[in-house]
Amino acid sequence: MALDMQKEGDTVRIMFEGDIDLISMTSLKNLLFSLSKDDVNIDLDASHVDFLDSSGIGMLMLVKKMQRSRNRAFRIWNMPDSTKRGLTPGMLELLLE
């Protein structure tokens, strides 16, 4: 798992590499929850996410909801098709809208 973060104005861009699952998501979750308390938009580059399980989906949905409640964006970019395969069309729409 690797994590890189850059701030550009009011947006924080995060590149995450590896799996987002129950075992490995703790550092990403802590970072996203912390950033959600700040007044920033969050862009997550998921181009190097190999696997996303239900706990990871739930955590990402919660961050999206927290950001919306603060009138801030949480965008997920470049998710590979192989990672999307485990998601229903409705879940994809909610995550990637």
PDB file of N, CA and C in Angstrom:
ATOM      1  N   MET A   1       0.842  -1.174   0.000  1.00  0.00           N
ATOM      2  CA  MET A   1       0.000   0.000   0.000  1.00  0.00           C
ATOM      3  C   MET A   1       0.888   1.238   0.000  1.00  0.00           C
ATOM      4  N   ALA A   2       0.528   2.203  -0.840  1.00  0.00           N
ATOM      5  CA  ALA A   2       1.263   3.463  -0.908  1.00  0.00           C
ATOM      6  C   ALA A   2       0.261   4.605  -0.996  1.00  0.00           C
ATOM      7  N   LEU A   3       0.653   5.741  -0.454  1.00  0.00           N
ATOM      8  CA  LEU A   3      -0.234   6.885  -0.395  1.00  0.00           C
ATOM      9  C   LEU A   3       0.588   8.135  -0.689  1.00  0.00           C
ATOM     10  N   ASP A   4       0.087   8.973  -1.597  1.00  0.00           N
ATOM     11  CA  ASP A   4       0.739  10.236  -1.906  1.00  0.00           C
ATOM     12  C   ASP A   4      -0.321  11.313  -1.867  1.00  0.00           C
ATOM     13  N   MET A   5       0.013  12.486  -1.320  1.00  0.00           N
ATOM     14  CA  MET A   5      -0.975  13.537  -1.165  1.00  0.00           C
ATOM     15  C   MET A   5      -0.361  14.876  -1.567  1.00  0.00           C
ATOM     16  N   GLN A   6      -1.167  15.687  -2.296  1.00  0.00           N
ATOM     17  CA  GLN A   6      -0.757  17.028  -2.688  1.00  0.00           C
ATOM     18  C   GLN A   6      -1.936  17.968  -2.487  1.00  0.00           C
ATOM     19  N   LYS A   7      -1.661  19.156  -1.991  1.00  0.00           N
ATOM     20  CA  LYS A   7      -2.714  20.154  -1.826  1.00  0.00           C
ATOM     21  C   LYS A   7      -2.545  21.222  -2.899  1.00  0.00           C
ATOM     22  N   GLU A   8      -3.657  21.528  -3.585  1.00  0.00           N
ATOM     23  CA  GLU A   8      -3.689  22.565  -4.613  1.00  0.00           C
ATOM     24  C   GLU A   8      -4.887  23.452  -4.318  1.00  0.00           C
ATOM     25  N   GLY A   9      -4.650  24.626  -3.747  1.00  0.00           N
ATOM     26  CA  GLY A   9      -5.741  25.523  -3.387  1.00  0.00           C
ATOM     27  C   GLY A   9      -6.610  24.885  -2.330  1.00  0.00           C
ATOM     28  N   ASP A  10      -7.913  24.781  -2.629  1.00  0.00           N
ATOM     29  CA  ASP A  10      -8.835  24.181  -1.658  1.00  0.00           C
ATOM     30  C   ASP A  10      -9.123  22.708  -1.956  1.00  0.00           C
ATOM     31  N   THR A  11      -8.241  22.075  -2.736  1.00  0.00           N
ATOM     32  CA  THR A  11      -8.412  20.665  -3.083  1.00  0.00           C
ATOM     33  C   THR A  11      -7.176  19.868  -2.680  1.00  0.00           C
ATOM     34  N   VAL A  12      -7.427  18.724  -2.055  1.00  0.00           N
ATOM     35  CA  VAL A  12      -6.362  17.787  -1.719  1.00  0.00           C
ATOM     36  C   VAL A  12      -6.486  16.607  -2.668  1.00  0.00           C
ATOM     37  N   ARG A  13      -5.406  16.317  -3.374  1.00  0.00           N
ATOM     38  CA  ARG A  13      -5.372  15.198  -4.315  1.00  0.00           C
ATOM     39  C   ARG A  13      -4.579  14.060  -3.685  1.00  0.00           C
ATOM     40  N   ILE A  14      -5.218  12.900  -3.659  1.00  0.00           N
ATOM     41  CA  ILE A  14      -4.610  11.727  -3.037  1.00  0.00           C
ATOM     42  C   ILE A  14      -4.484  10.628  -4.079  1.00  0.00           C
ATOM     43  N   MET A  15      -3.304  10.033  -4.150  1.00  0.00           N
ATOM     44  CA  MET A  15      -3.122   8.844  -4.980  1.00  0.00           C
ATOM     45  C   MET A  15      -2.917   7.682  -4.022  1.00  0.00           C
ATOM     46  N   PHE A  16      -3.788   6.696  -4.126  1.00  0.00           N
ATOM     47  CA  PHE A  16      -3.712   5.512  -3.279  1.00  0.00           C
ATOM     48  C   PHE A  16      -3.357   4.329  -4.155  1.00  0.00           C
ATOM     49  N   GLU A  17      -2.426   3.516  -3.688  1.00  0.00           N
ATOM     50  CA  GLU A  17      -2.010   2.340  -4.436  1.00  0.00           C
ATOM     51  C   GLU A  17      -2.164   1.107  -3.561  1.00  0.00           C
ATOM     52  N   GLY A  18      -2.898   0.113  -4.058  1.00  0.00           N
ATOM     53  CA  GLY A  18      -3.083  -1.131  -3.319  1.00  0.00           C
ATOM     54  C   GLY A  18      -4.553  -1.478  -3.171  1.00  0.00           C
ATOM     55  N   ASP A  19      -4.860  -2.245  -2.149  1.00  0.00           N
ATOM     56  CA  ASP A  19      -6.231  -2.684  -1.879  1.00  0.00           C
ATOM     57  C   ASP A  19      -6.896  -1.752  -0.876  1.00  0.00           C
ATOM     58  N   ILE A  20      -8.194  -1.541  -1.061  1.00  0.00           N
ATOM     59  CA  ILE A  20      -8.989  -0.844  -0.049  1.00  0.00           C
ATOM     60  C   ILE A  20      -9.940  -1.890   0.505  1.00  0.00           C
ATOM     61  N   ASP A  21      -9.503  -2.505   1.592  1.00  0.00           N
ATOM     62  CA  ASP A  21     -10.304  -3.544   2.227  1.00  0.00           C
ATOM     63  C   ASP A  21     -10.207  -3.391   3.741  1.00  0.00           C
ATOM     64  N   LEU A  22     -10.888  -4.253   4.450  1.00  0.00           N
ATOM     65  CA  LEU A  22     -10.961  -4.151   5.906  1.00  0.00           C
ATOM     66  C   LEU A  22      -9.581  -4.109   6.547  1.00  0.00           C
ATOM     67  N   ILE A  23      -8.663  -4.869   6.036  1.00  0.00           N
ATOM     68  CA  ILE A  23      -7.337  -4.963   6.645  1.00  0.00           C
ATOM     69  C   ILE A  23      -6.476  -3.732   6.342  1.00  0.00           C
ATOM     70  N   SER A  24      -6.537  -3.240   5.130  1.00  0.00           N
ATOM     71  CA  SER A  24      -5.576  -2.217   4.705  1.00  0.00           C
ATOM     72  C   SER A  24      -6.112  -0.792   4.690  1.00  0.00           C
ATOM     73  N   MET A  25      -7.385  -0.583   4.970  1.00  0.00           N
ATOM     74  CA  MET A  25      -7.946   0.749   4.760  1.00  0.00           C
ATOM     75  C   MET A  25      -7.754   1.716   5.919  1.00  0.00           C
ATOM     76  N   THR A  26      -7.188   1.292   7.033  1.00  0.00           N
ATOM     77  CA  THR A  26      -7.108   2.143   8.214  1.00  0.00           C
ATOM     78  C   THR A  26      -6.405   3.461   7.946  1.00  0.00           C
ATOM     79  N   SER A  27      -5.247   3.443   7.309  1.00  0.00           N
ATOM     80  CA  SER A  27      -4.520   4.697   7.080  1.00  0.00           C
ATOM     81  C   SER A  27      -5.278   5.607   6.123  1.00  0.00           C
ATOM     82  N   LEU A  28      -5.873   5.052   5.073  1.00  0.00           N
ATOM     83  CA  LEU A  28      -6.665   5.861   4.147  1.00  0.00           C
ATOM     84  C   LEU A  28      -7.893   6.428   4.850  1.00  0.00           C
ATOM     85  N   LYS A  29      -8.568   5.613   5.639  1.00  0.00           N
ATOM     86  CA  LYS A  29      -9.752   6.072   6.369  1.00  0.00           C
ATOM     87  C   LYS A  29      -9.395   7.214   7.312  1.00  0.00           C
ATOM     88  N   ASN A  30      -8.335   7.059   8.075  1.00  0.00           N
ATOM     89  CA  ASN A  30      -7.930   8.114   9.011  1.00  0.00           C
ATOM     90  C   ASN A  30      -7.612   9.409   8.279  1.00  0.00           C
ATOM     91  N   LEU A  31      -6.915   9.303   7.161  1.00  0.00           N
ATOM     92  CA  LEU A  31      -6.588  10.487   6.376  1.00  0.00           C
ATOM     93  C   LEU A  31      -7.846  11.155   5.830  1.00  0.00           C
ATOM     94  N   LEU A  32      -8.736  10.379   5.215  1.00  0.00           N
ATOM     95  CA  LEU A  32      -9.949  10.950   4.627  1.00  0.00           C
ATOM     96  C   LEU A  32     -10.858  11.562   5.687  1.00  0.00           C
ATOM     97  N   PHE A  33     -11.003  10.910   6.832  1.00  0.00           N
ATOM     98  CA  PHE A  33     -11.832  11.458   7.901  1.00  0.00           C
ATOM     99  C   PHE A  33     -11.231  12.756   8.436  1.00  0.00           C
ATOM    100  N   SER A  34      -9.920  12.797   8.564  1.00  0.00           N
ATOM    101  CA  SER A  34      -9.245  14.003   9.023  1.00  0.00           C
ATOM    102  C   SER A  34      -9.432  15.145   8.023  1.00  0.00           C
ATOM    103  N   LEU A  35      -9.234  14.852   6.736  1.00  0.00           N
ATOM    104  CA  LEU A  35      -9.409  15.874   5.705  1.00  0.00           C
ATOM    105  C   LEU A  35     -10.854  16.342   5.625  1.00  0.00           C
ATOM    106  N   SER A  36     -11.786  15.442   5.885  1.00  0.00           N
ATOM    107  CA  SER A  36     -13.200  15.793   5.818  1.00  0.00           C
ATOM    108  C   SER A  36     -13.559  16.855   6.860  1.00  0.00           C
ATOM    109  N   LYS A  37     -12.808  16.897   7.943  1.00  0.00           N
ATOM    110  CA  LYS A  37     -13.048  17.911   8.983  1.00  0.00           C
ATOM    111  C   LYS A  37     -12.514  19.266   8.563  1.00  0.00           C
ATOM    112  N   ASP A  38     -11.575  19.275   7.616  1.00  0.00           N
ATOM    113  CA  ASP A  38     -11.038  20.521   7.082  1.00  0.00           C
ATOM    114  C   ASP A  38     -11.972  21.032   6.000  1.00  0.00           C
ATOM    115  N   ASP A  39     -11.773  22.250   5.590  1.00  0.00           N
ATOM    116  CA  ASP A  39     -12.633  22.862   4.577  1.00  0.00           C
ATOM    117  C   ASP A  39     -11.994  22.694   3.209  1.00  0.00           C
ATOM    118  N   VAL A  40     -11.885  21.417   2.754  1.00  0.00           N
ATOM    119  CA  VAL A  40     -11.233  21.135   1.471  1.00  0.00           C
ATOM    120  C   VAL A  40     -12.074  20.166   0.650  1.00  0.00           C
ATOM    121  N   ASN A  41     -11.882  20.207  -0.648  1.00  0.00           N
ATOM    122  CA  ASN A  41     -12.405  19.178  -1.543  1.00  0.00           C
ATOM    123  C   ASN A  41     -11.370  18.064  -1.583  1.00  0.00           C
ATOM    124  N   ILE A  42     -11.817  16.842  -1.803  1.00  0.00           N
ATOM    125  CA  ILE A  42     -10.915  15.699  -1.837  1.00  0.00           C
ATOM    126  C   ILE A  42     -11.072  14.984  -3.173  1.00  0.00           C
ATOM    127  N   ASP A  43      -9.951  14.804  -3.868  1.00  0.00           N
ATOM    128  CA  ASP A  43      -9.897  14.021  -5.103  1.00  0.00           C
ATOM    129  C   ASP A  43      -9.049  12.788  -4.830  1.00  0.00           C
ATOM    130  N   LEU A  44      -9.623  11.614  -5.052  1.00  0.00           N
ATOM    131  CA  LEU A  44      -8.916  10.357  -4.843  1.00  0.00           C
ATOM    132  C   LEU A  44      -8.639   9.720  -6.201  1.00  0.00           C
ATOM    133  N   ASP A  45      -7.356   9.642  -6.561  1.00  0.00           N
ATOM    134  CA  ASP A  45      -6.959   8.967  -7.795  1.00  0.00           C
ATOM    135  C   ASP A  45      -6.879   7.483  -7.484  1.00  0.00           C
ATOM    136  N   ALA A  46      -7.802   6.715  -8.048  1.00  0.00           N
ATOM    137  CA  ALA A  46      -7.897   5.281  -7.763  1.00  0.00           C
ATOM    138  C   ALA A  46      -7.293   4.428  -8.880  1.00  0.00           C
ATOM    139  N   SER A  47      -6.463   5.035  -9.714  1.00  0.00           N
ATOM    140  CA  SER A  47      -5.920   4.299 -10.859  1.00  0.00           C
ATOM    141  C   SER A  47      -5.049   3.113 -10.454  1.00  0.00           C
ATOM    142  N   HIS A  48      -4.557   3.107  -9.225  1.00  0.00           N
ATOM    143  CA  HIS A  48      -3.722   2.005  -8.760  1.00  0.00           C
ATOM    144  C   HIS A  48      -4.373   1.216  -7.624  1.00  0.00           C
ATOM    145  N   VAL A  49      -5.699   1.314  -7.525  1.00  0.00           N
ATOM    146  CA  VAL A  49      -6.433   0.504  -6.549  1.00  0.00           C
ATOM    147  C   VAL A  49      -6.724  -0.836  -7.208  1.00  0.00           C
ATOM    148  N   ASP A  50      -6.211  -1.889  -6.589  1.00  0.00           N
ATOM    149  CA  ASP A  50      -6.342  -3.225  -7.163  1.00  0.00           C
ATOM    150  C   ASP A  50      -7.623  -3.930  -6.754  1.00  0.00           C
ATOM    151  N   PHE A  51      -8.130  -3.610  -5.569  1.00  0.00           N
ATOM    152  CA  PHE A  51      -9.273  -4.329  -5.019  1.00  0.00           C
ATOM    153  C   PHE A  51     -10.012  -3.411  -4.069  1.00  0.00           C
ATOM    154  N   LEU A  52     -11.335  -3.497  -4.082  1.00  0.00           N
ATOM    155  CA  LEU A  52     -12.189  -2.695  -3.217  1.00  0.00           C
ATOM    156  C   LEU A  52     -13.273  -3.602  -2.665  1.00  0.00           C
ATOM    157  N   ASP A  53     -13.284  -3.808  -1.333  1.00  0.00           N
ATOM    158  CA  ASP A  53     -14.301  -4.679  -0.756  1.00  0.00           C
ATOM    159  C   ASP A  53     -15.423  -3.852  -0.134  1.00  0.00           C
ATOM    160  N   SER A  54     -16.399  -4.518   0.463  1.00  0.00           N
ATOM    161  CA  SER A  54     -17.582  -3.833   0.987  1.00  0.00           C
ATOM    162  C   SER A  54     -17.239  -2.859   2.109  1.00  0.00           C
ATOM    163  N   SER A  55     -16.244  -3.168   2.932  1.00  0.00           N
ATOM    164  CA  SER A  55     -15.870  -2.226   3.994  1.00  0.00           C
ATOM    165  C   SER A  55     -15.248  -0.971   3.379  1.00  0.00           C
ATOM    166  N   GLY A  56     -14.460  -1.129   2.329  1.00  0.00           N
ATOM    167  CA  GLY A  56     -13.889   0.016   1.635  1.00  0.00           C
ATOM    168  C   GLY A  56     -14.956   0.865   0.967  1.00  0.00           C
ATOM    169  N   ILE A  57     -15.928   0.203   0.347  1.00  0.00           N
ATOM    170  CA  ILE A  57     -17.046   0.919  -0.282  1.00  0.00           C
ATOM    171  C   ILE A  57     -17.808   1.720   0.766  1.00  0.00           C
ATOM    172  N   GLY A  58     -18.100   1.091   1.890  1.00  0.00           N
ATOM    173  CA  GLY A  58     -18.827   1.775   2.961  1.00  0.00           C
ATOM    174  C   GLY A  58     -18.073   2.992   3.471  1.00  0.00           C
ATOM    175  N   MET A  59     -16.767   2.855   3.648  1.00  0.00           N
ATOM    176  CA  MET A  59     -15.959   3.967   4.124  1.00  0.00           C
ATOM    177  C   MET A  59     -15.951   5.110   3.110  1.00  0.00           C
ATOM    178  N   LEU A  60     -15.801   4.796   1.818  1.00  0.00           N
ATOM    179  CA  LEU A  60     -15.805   5.834   0.788  1.00  0.00           C
ATOM    180  C   LEU A  60     -17.158   6.534   0.703  1.00  0.00           C
ATOM    181  N   MET A  61     -18.242   5.762   0.851  1.00  0.00           N
ATOM    182  CA  MET A  61     -19.582   6.359   0.832  1.00  0.00           C
ATOM    183  C   MET A  61     -19.776   7.296   2.030  1.00  0.00           C
ATOM    184  N   LEU A  62     -19.253   6.911   3.185  1.00  0.00           N
ATOM    185  CA  LEU A  62     -19.361   7.754   4.377  1.00  0.00           C
ATOM    186  C   LEU A  62     -18.595   9.059   4.189  1.00  0.00           C
ATOM    187  N   VAL A  63     -17.407   8.979   3.622  1.00  0.00           N
ATOM    188  CA  VAL A  63     -16.630  10.195   3.366  1.00  0.00           C
ATOM    189  C   VAL A  63     -17.381  11.089   2.386  1.00  0.00           C
ATOM    190  N   LYS A  64     -17.962  10.498   1.347  1.00  0.00           N
ATOM    191  CA  LYS A  64     -18.734  11.279   0.374  1.00  0.00           C
ATOM    192  C   LYS A  64     -19.897  12.004   1.067  1.00  0.00           C
ATOM    193  N   LYS A  65     -20.576  11.300   1.957  1.00  0.00           N
ATOM    194  CA  LYS A  65     -21.695  11.896   2.699  1.00  0.00           C
ATOM    195  C   LYS A  65     -21.200  13.019   3.616  1.00  0.00           C
ATOM    196  N   MET A  66     -20.083  12.790   4.299  1.00  0.00           N
ATOM    197  CA  MET A  66     -19.531  13.821   5.180  1.00  0.00           C
ATOM    198  C   MET A  66     -19.149  15.061   4.382  1.00  0.00           C
ATOM    199  N   GLN A  67     -18.553  14.871   3.224  1.00  0.00           N
ATOM    200  CA  GLN A  67     -18.168  16.000   2.392  1.00  0.00           C
ATOM    201  C   GLN A  67     -19.396  16.770   1.898  1.00  0.00           C
ATOM    202  N   ARG A  68     -20.412  16.048   1.484  1.00  0.00           N
ATOM    203  CA  ARG A  68     -21.644  16.714   1.026  1.00  0.00           C
ATOM    204  C   ARG A  68     -22.264  17.555   2.131  1.00  0.00           C
ATOM    205  N   SER A  69     -22.245  17.050   3.354  1.00  0.00           N
ATOM    206  CA  SER A  69     -22.848  17.801   4.467  1.00  0.00           C
ATOM    207  C   SER A  69     -22.100  19.105   4.728  1.00  0.00           C
ATOM    208  N   ARG A  70     -20.875  19.200   4.254  1.00  0.00           N
ATOM    209  CA  ARG A  70     -20.068  20.417   4.405  1.00  0.00           C
ATOM    210  C   ARG A  70     -19.990  21.210   3.094  1.00  0.00           C
ATOM    211  N   ASN A  71     -20.824  20.828   2.122  1.00  0.00           N
ATOM    212  CA  ASN A  71     -20.820  21.458   0.793  1.00  0.00           C
ATOM    213  C   ASN A  71     -19.448  21.392   0.130  1.00  0.00           C
ATOM    214  N   ARG A  72     -18.814  20.239   0.287  1.00  0.00           N
ATOM    215  CA  ARG A  72     -17.518  19.995  -0.309  1.00  0.00           C
ATOM    216  C   ARG A  72     -17.585  18.745  -1.170  1.00  0.00           C
ATOM    217  N   ALA A  73     -16.662  18.620  -2.106  1.00  0.00           N
ATOM    218  CA  ALA A  73     -16.661  17.499  -3.046  1.00  0.00           C
ATOM    219  C   ALA A  73     -15.740  16.381  -2.573  1.00  0.00           C
ATOM    220  N   PHE A  74     -16.138  15.170  -2.918  1.00  0.00           N
ATOM    221  CA  PHE A  74     -15.277  13.994  -2.801  1.00  0.00           C
ATOM    222  C   PHE A  74     -15.409  13.257  -4.111  1.00  0.00           C
ATOM    223  N   ARG A  75     -14.330  13.299  -4.904  1.00  0.00           N
ATOM    224  CA  ARG A  75     -14.357  12.703  -6.236  1.00  0.00           C
ATOM    225  C   ARG A  75     -13.364  11.549  -6.300  1.00  0.00           C
ATOM    226  N   ILE A  76     -13.794  10.491  -6.942  1.00  0.00           N
ATOM    227  CA  ILE A  76     -12.931   9.331  -7.162  1.00  0.00           C
ATOM    228  C   ILE A  76     -12.675   9.250  -8.664  1.00  0.00           C
ATOM    229  N   TRP A  77     -11.406   9.232  -9.040  1.00  0.00           N
ATOM    230  CA  TRP A  77     -11.007   9.272 -10.437  1.00  0.00           C
ATOM    231  C   TRP A  77     -10.288   7.999 -10.844  1.00  0.00           C
ATOM    232  N   ASN A  78     -10.393   7.665 -12.115  1.00  0.00           N
ATOM    233  CA  ASN A  78      -9.547   6.655 -12.757  1.00  0.00           C
ATOM    234  C   ASN A  78      -9.622   5.257 -12.149  1.00  0.00           C
ATOM    235  N   MET A  79     -10.754   4.865 -11.614  1.00  0.00           N
ATOM    236  CA  MET A  79     -10.853   3.517 -11.052  1.00  0.00           C
ATOM    237  C   MET A  79     -10.768   2.502 -12.187  1.00  0.00           C
ATOM    238  N   PRO A  80      -9.848   1.536 -12.081  1.00  0.00           N
ATOM    239  CA  PRO A  80      -9.697   0.543 -13.151  1.00  0.00           C
ATOM    240  C   PRO A  80     -10.952  -0.313 -13.323  1.00  0.00           C
ATOM    241  N   ASP A  81     -11.190  -0.735 -14.545  1.00  0.00           N
ATOM    242  CA  ASP A  81     -12.342  -1.596 -14.827  1.00  0.00           C
ATOM    243  C   ASP A  81     -12.297  -2.876 -14.007  1.00  0.00           C
ATOM    244  N   SER A  82     -11.101  -3.405 -13.781  1.00  0.00           N
ATOM    245  CA  SER A  82     -10.987  -4.637 -12.997  1.00  0.00           C
ATOM    246  C   SER A  82     -11.459  -4.427 -11.560  1.00  0.00           C
ATOM    247  N   THR A  83     -11.285  -3.239 -11.017  1.00  0.00           N
ATOM    248  CA  THR A  83     -11.753  -2.930  -9.663  1.00  0.00           C
ATOM    249  C   THR A  83     -13.255  -2.673  -9.656  1.00  0.00           C
ATOM    250  N   LYS A  84     -13.769  -2.089 -10.724  1.00  0.00           N
ATOM    251  CA  LYS A  84     -15.198  -1.788 -10.824  1.00  0.00           C
ATOM    252  C   LYS A  84     -16.058  -3.046 -10.947  1.00  0.00           C
ATOM    253  N   ARG A  85     -15.476  -4.141 -11.420  1.00  0.00           N
ATOM    254  CA  ARG A  85     -16.256  -5.351 -11.683  1.00  0.00           C
ATOM    255  C   ARG A  85     -17.035  -5.858 -10.476  1.00  0.00           C
ATOM    256  N   GLY A  86     -16.519  -5.661  -9.282  1.00  0.00           N
ATOM    257  CA  GLY A  86     -17.196  -6.148  -8.090  1.00  0.00           C
ATOM    258  C   GLY A  86     -18.311  -5.247  -7.602  1.00  0.00           C
ATOM    259  N   LEU A  87     -18.544  -4.132  -8.279  1.00  0.00           N
ATOM    260  CA  LEU A  87     -19.541  -3.162  -7.836  1.00  0.00           C
ATOM    261  C   LEU A  87     -20.780  -3.216  -8.715  1.00  0.00           C
ATOM    262  N   THR A  88     -21.921  -3.037  -8.109  1.00  0.00           N
ATOM    263  CA  THR A  88     -23.158  -2.969  -8.879  1.00  0.00           C
ATOM    264  C   THR A  88     -23.210  -1.629  -9.610  1.00  0.00           C
ATOM    265  N   PRO A  89     -24.000  -1.539 -10.681  1.00  0.00           N
ATOM    266  CA  PRO A  89     -24.118  -0.255 -11.382  1.00  0.00           C
ATOM    267  C   PRO A  89     -24.578   0.877 -10.462  1.00  0.00           C
ATOM    268  N   GLY A  90     -25.504   0.589  -9.561  1.00  0.00           N
ATOM    269  CA  GLY A  90     -25.980   1.623  -8.631  1.00  0.00           C
ATOM    270  C   GLY A  90     -24.880   2.090  -7.695  1.00  0.00           C
ATOM    271  N   MET A  91     -24.073   1.169  -7.226  1.00  0.00           N
ATOM    272  CA  MET A  91     -22.965   1.521  -6.334  1.00  0.00           C
ATOM    273  C   MET A  91     -21.937   2.348  -7.083  1.00  0.00           C
ATOM    274  N   LEU A  92     -21.642   1.964  -8.310  1.00  0.00           N
ATOM    275  CA  LEU A  92     -20.700   2.750  -9.125  1.00  0.00           C
ATOM    276  C   LEU A  92     -21.191   4.173  -9.309  1.00  0.00           C
ATOM    277  N   GLU A  93     -22.469   4.305  -9.593  1.00  0.00           N
ATOM    278  CA  GLU A  93     -23.050   5.625  -9.805  1.00  0.00           C
ATOM    279  C   GLU A  93     -22.908   6.471  -8.550  1.00  0.00           C
ATOM    280  N   LEU A  94     -23.198   5.898  -7.395  1.00  0.00           N
ATOM    281  CA  LEU A  94     -23.078   6.650  -6.131  1.00  0.00           C
ATOM    282  C   LEU A  94     -21.634   7.041  -5.828  1.00  0.00           C
ATOM    283  N   LEU A  95     -20.714   6.126  -6.054  1.00  0.00           N
ATOM    284  CA  LEU A  95     -19.313   6.401  -5.741  1.00  0.00           C
ATOM    285  C   LEU A  95     -18.668   7.380  -6.712  1.00  0.00           C
ATOM    286  N   LEU A  96     -18.974   7.230  -7.992  1.00  0.00           N
ATOM    287  CA  LEU A  96     -18.240   7.966  -9.013  1.00  0.00           C
ATOM    288  C   LEU A  96     -18.984   9.177  -9.556  1.00  0.00           C
ATOM    289  N   GLU A  97     -20.139   9.501  -9.016  1.00  0.00           N
ATOM    290  CA  GLU A  97     -20.896  10.648  -9.529  1.00  0.00           C
ATOM    291  C   GLU A  97     -20.191  11.957  -9.289  1.00  0.00           C
TER     292      GLU A  97
END
